[in-house]
C-alpha atoms as a PDB file:
ATOM      1  CA  MET A   1     -52.508 -20.887 -26.931  1.00  0.00           C
ATOM      2  CA  SER A   2     -49.671 -19.231 -28.733  1.00  0.00           C
ATOM      3  CA  LEU A   3     -47.215 -16.813 -27.160  1.00  0.00           C
ATOM      4  CA  THR A   4     -48.662 -13.982 -29.236  1.00  0.00           C
ATOM      5  CA  THR A   5     -52.165 -14.678 -27.944  1.00  0.00           C
ATOM      6  CA  ALA A   6     -50.956 -14.923 -24.357  1.00  0.00           C
ATOM      7  CA  PHE A   7     -49.118 -11.608 -24.700  1.00  0.00           C
ATOM      8  CA  TYR A   8     -52.239 -10.013 -26.218  1.00  0.00           C
ATOM      9  CA  MET A   9     -54.372 -11.249 -23.335  1.00  0.00           C
ATOM     10  CA  PHE A  10     -51.841  -9.938 -20.802  1.00  0.00           C
ATOM     11  CA  ILE A  11     -51.808  -6.501 -22.436  1.00  0.00           C
ATOM     12  CA  LEU A  12     -55.627  -6.545 -22.585  1.00  0.00           C
ATOM     13  CA  PHE A  13     -55.729  -7.425 -18.855  1.00  0.00           C
ATOM     14  CA  LEU A  14     -53.355  -4.578 -17.963  1.00  0.00           C
ATOM     15  CA  ALA A  15     -55.265  -2.080 -20.109  1.00  0.00           C
ATOM     16  CA  LYS A  16     -58.587  -2.971 -18.455  1.00  0.00           C
ATOM     17  CA  VAL A  17     -57.074  -2.790 -14.959  1.00  0.00           C
ATOM     18  CA  LEU A  18     -55.787   0.680 -15.843  1.00  0.00           C
ATOM     19  CA  ASP A  19     -59.183   1.655 -17.276  1.00  0.00           C
ATOM     20  CA  ASN A  20     -61.074   0.630 -14.146  1.00  0.00           C
ATOM     21  CA  THR A  21     -58.477   2.144 -11.861  1.00  0.00           C
ATOM     22  CA  LEU A  22     -58.823   5.478 -13.659  1.00  0.00           C
ATOM     23  CA  ASN A  23     -62.608   5.229 -13.646  1.00  0.00           C
ATOM     24  CA  THR A  24     -62.771   4.522  -9.926  1.00  0.00           C
ATOM     25  CA  ALA A  25     -60.151   7.212  -9.292  1.00  0.00           C
ATOM     26  CA  LYS A  26     -62.362   9.637 -11.195  1.00  0.00           C
ATOM     27  CA  THR A  27     -65.224   8.962  -8.823  1.00  0.00           C
ATOM     28  CA  ILE A  28     -63.019   9.408  -5.782  1.00  0.00           C
ATOM     29  CA  LEU A  29     -61.574  12.654  -7.205  1.00  0.00           C
ATOM     30  CA  VAL A  30     -65.074  14.023  -7.880  1.00  0.00           C
ATOM     31  CA  GLN A  31     -66.030  13.288  -4.266  1.00  0.00           C
ATOM     32  CA  ARG A  32     -62.898  15.170  -3.152  1.00  0.00           C
ATOM     33  CA  ASN A  33     -63.676  18.117  -5.414  1.00  0.00           C
ATOM     34  CA  ARG A  34     -60.632  17.671  -7.645  1.00  0.00           C
ATOM     35  CA  CYS A  35     -62.431  18.422 -10.913  1.00  0.00           C
ATOM     36  CA  LEU A  36     -59.387  18.868 -13.206  1.00  0.00           C
ATOM     37  CA  LEU A  37     -57.806  15.549 -12.156  1.00  0.00           C
ATOM     38  CA  ALA A  38     -61.195  13.836 -12.392  1.00  0.00           C
ATOM     39  CA  GLY A  39     -61.585  15.119 -15.947  1.00  0.00           C
ATOM     40  CA  VAL A  40     -58.179  13.855 -16.997  1.00  0.00           C
ATOM     41  CA  ALA A  41     -58.861  10.449 -15.419  1.00  0.00           C
ATOM     42  CA  LEU A  42     -62.207  10.270 -17.164  1.00  0.00           C
ATOM     43  CA  GLY A  43     -60.782  11.178 -20.590  1.00  0.00           C
ATOM     44  CA  LEU A  44     -58.011   8.563 -20.330  1.00  0.00           C
ATOM     45  CA  SER A  45     -60.420   5.953 -19.030  1.00  0.00           C
ATOM     46  CA  ASN A  46     -62.850   6.510 -21.906  1.00  0.00           C
ATOM     47  CA  PHE A  47     -60.069   6.252 -24.476  1.00  0.00           C
ATOM     48  CA  ILE A  48     -58.897   2.950 -23.053  1.00  0.00           C
ATOM     49  CA  TYR A  49     -62.416   1.637 -22.626  1.00  0.00           C
ATOM     50  CA  LEU A  50     -63.381   2.392 -26.229  1.00  0.00           C
ATOM     51  CA  SER A  51     -60.147   0.834 -27.533  1.00  0.00           C
ATOM     52  CA  ILE A  52     -60.748  -2.329 -25.541  1.00  0.00           C
ATOM     53  CA  THR A  53     -64.374  -2.507 -26.638  1.00  0.00           C
ATOM     54  CA  LYS A  54     -63.336  -2.220 -30.294  1.00  0.00           C
ATOM     55  CA  ASP A  55     -60.799  -5.039 -29.839  1.00  0.00           C
ATOM     56  CA  ILE A  56     -63.284  -7.295 -28.008  1.00  0.00           C
ATOM     57  CA  VAL A  57     -66.009  -6.827 -30.617  1.00  0.00           C
ATOM     58  CA  THR A  58     -63.663  -7.669 -33.483  1.00  0.00           C
ATOM     59  CA  SER A  59     -61.922 -10.578 -31.730  1.00  0.00           C
ATOM     60  CA  ASP A  60     -65.019 -12.691 -30.993  1.00  0.00           C
ATOM     61  CA  SER A  61     -63.202 -14.413 -28.109  1.00  0.00           C
ATOM     62  CA  ILE A  62     -64.835 -15.647 -24.922  1.00  0.00           C
ATOM     63  CA  LEU A  63     -61.410 -15.795 -23.241  1.00  0.00           C
ATOM     64  CA  ALA A  64     -60.937 -12.075 -23.923  1.00  0.00           C
ATOM     65  CA  LEU A  65     -64.294 -11.335 -22.331  1.00  0.00           C
ATOM     66  CA  VAL A  66     -63.351 -13.309 -19.224  1.00  0.00           C
ATOM     67  CA  ILE A  67     -59.972 -11.600 -19.001  1.00  0.00           C
ATOM     68  CA  VAL A  68     -61.556  -8.130 -19.289  1.00  0.00           C
ATOM     69  CA  SER A  69     -64.231  -8.981 -16.694  1.00  0.00           C
ATOM     70  CA  ILE A  70     -61.689 -10.160 -14.128  1.00  0.00           C
ATOM     71  CA  ALA A  71     -59.509  -7.142 -14.805  1.00  0.00           C
ATOM     72  CA  SER A  72     -62.442  -4.834 -14.124  1.00  0.00           C
ATOM     73  CA  GLY A  73     -62.699  -6.068 -10.554  1.00  0.00           C
ATOM     74  CA  VAL A  74     -58.923  -5.945 -10.041  1.00  0.00           C
ATOM     75  CA  GLY A  75     -58.800  -2.352 -11.301  1.00  0.00           C
ATOM     76  CA  CYS A  76     -61.585  -1.255  -8.948  1.00  0.00           C
ATOM     77  CA  CYS A  77     -59.908  -2.877  -5.955  1.00  0.00           C
ATOM     78  CA  LEU A  78     -56.570  -1.312  -6.899  1.00  0.00           C
ATOM     79  CA  ALA A  79     -58.006   2.207  -7.042  1.00  0.00           C
ATOM     80  CA  VAL A  80     -59.742   1.890  -3.705  1.00  0.00           C
ATOM     81  CA  ALA A  81     -56.591   0.444  -2.077  1.00  0.00           C
ATOM     82  CA  LEU A  82     -54.451   3.252  -3.480  1.00  0.00           C
ATOM     83  CA  SER A  83     -56.970   5.846  -2.331  1.00  0.00           C
ATOM     84  CA  ASN A  84     -57.015   4.390   1.174  1.00  0.00           C
ATOM     85  CA  ARG A  85     -53.230   4.206   1.258  1.00  0.00           C
ATOM     86  CA  PHE A  86     -52.635   7.827   0.254  1.00  0.00           C
ATOM     87  CA  SER A  87     -55.671   9.408   1.874  1.00  0.00           C
ATOM     88  CA  LYS A  88     -55.030  11.986   4.585  1.00  0.00           C
ATOM     89  CA  ASP A  89     -58.616  11.747   5.724  1.00  0.00           C
ATOM     90  CA  ARG A  90     -59.228   9.226   8.457  1.00  0.00           C
ATOM     91  CA  THR A  91     -62.508   8.222   9.958  1.00  0.00           C
ATOM     92  CA  TYR A  92     -62.534   7.187  13.588  1.00  0.00           C
ATOM     93  CA  VAL A  93     -65.458   5.439  15.174  1.00  0.00           C
ATOM     94  CA  ASN A  94     -65.964   5.596  18.895  1.00  0.00           C
ATOM     95  CA  VAL A  95     -68.068   2.846  20.351  1.00  0.00           C
ATOM     96  CA  ILE A  96     -69.820   3.813  23.582  1.00  0.00           C
ATOM     97  CA  LEU A  97     -71.263   0.910  25.511  1.00  0.00           C
ATOM     98  CA  SER A  98     -73.325   0.881  28.625  1.00  0.00           C
ATOM     99  CA  ASP A  99     -71.623  -0.806  31.570  1.00  0.00           C
ATOM    100  CA  ASP A 100     -74.780  -1.836  33.439  1.00  0.00           C
END
């Protein structure tokens, strides 16, 4: 694999991570009633998604498909982790057990 191909795959990976992060962030923002931010995240996510799809269809590369698939999961996990990190809402669970 040439250096140019490796760089292309790396950029493709980062773009798909960003796409999935924005898409998952959109869902979280909708649930938190932040419609303007959700709309911006959705617009950016769709632009990136369509650009990646165009590149994948024209490249005819199995490696590119694998890279994009792995990046999808990474992007989703990243968005959830960031949401949990910066969330002010906390859920506490009290466990009440019988002491018989």
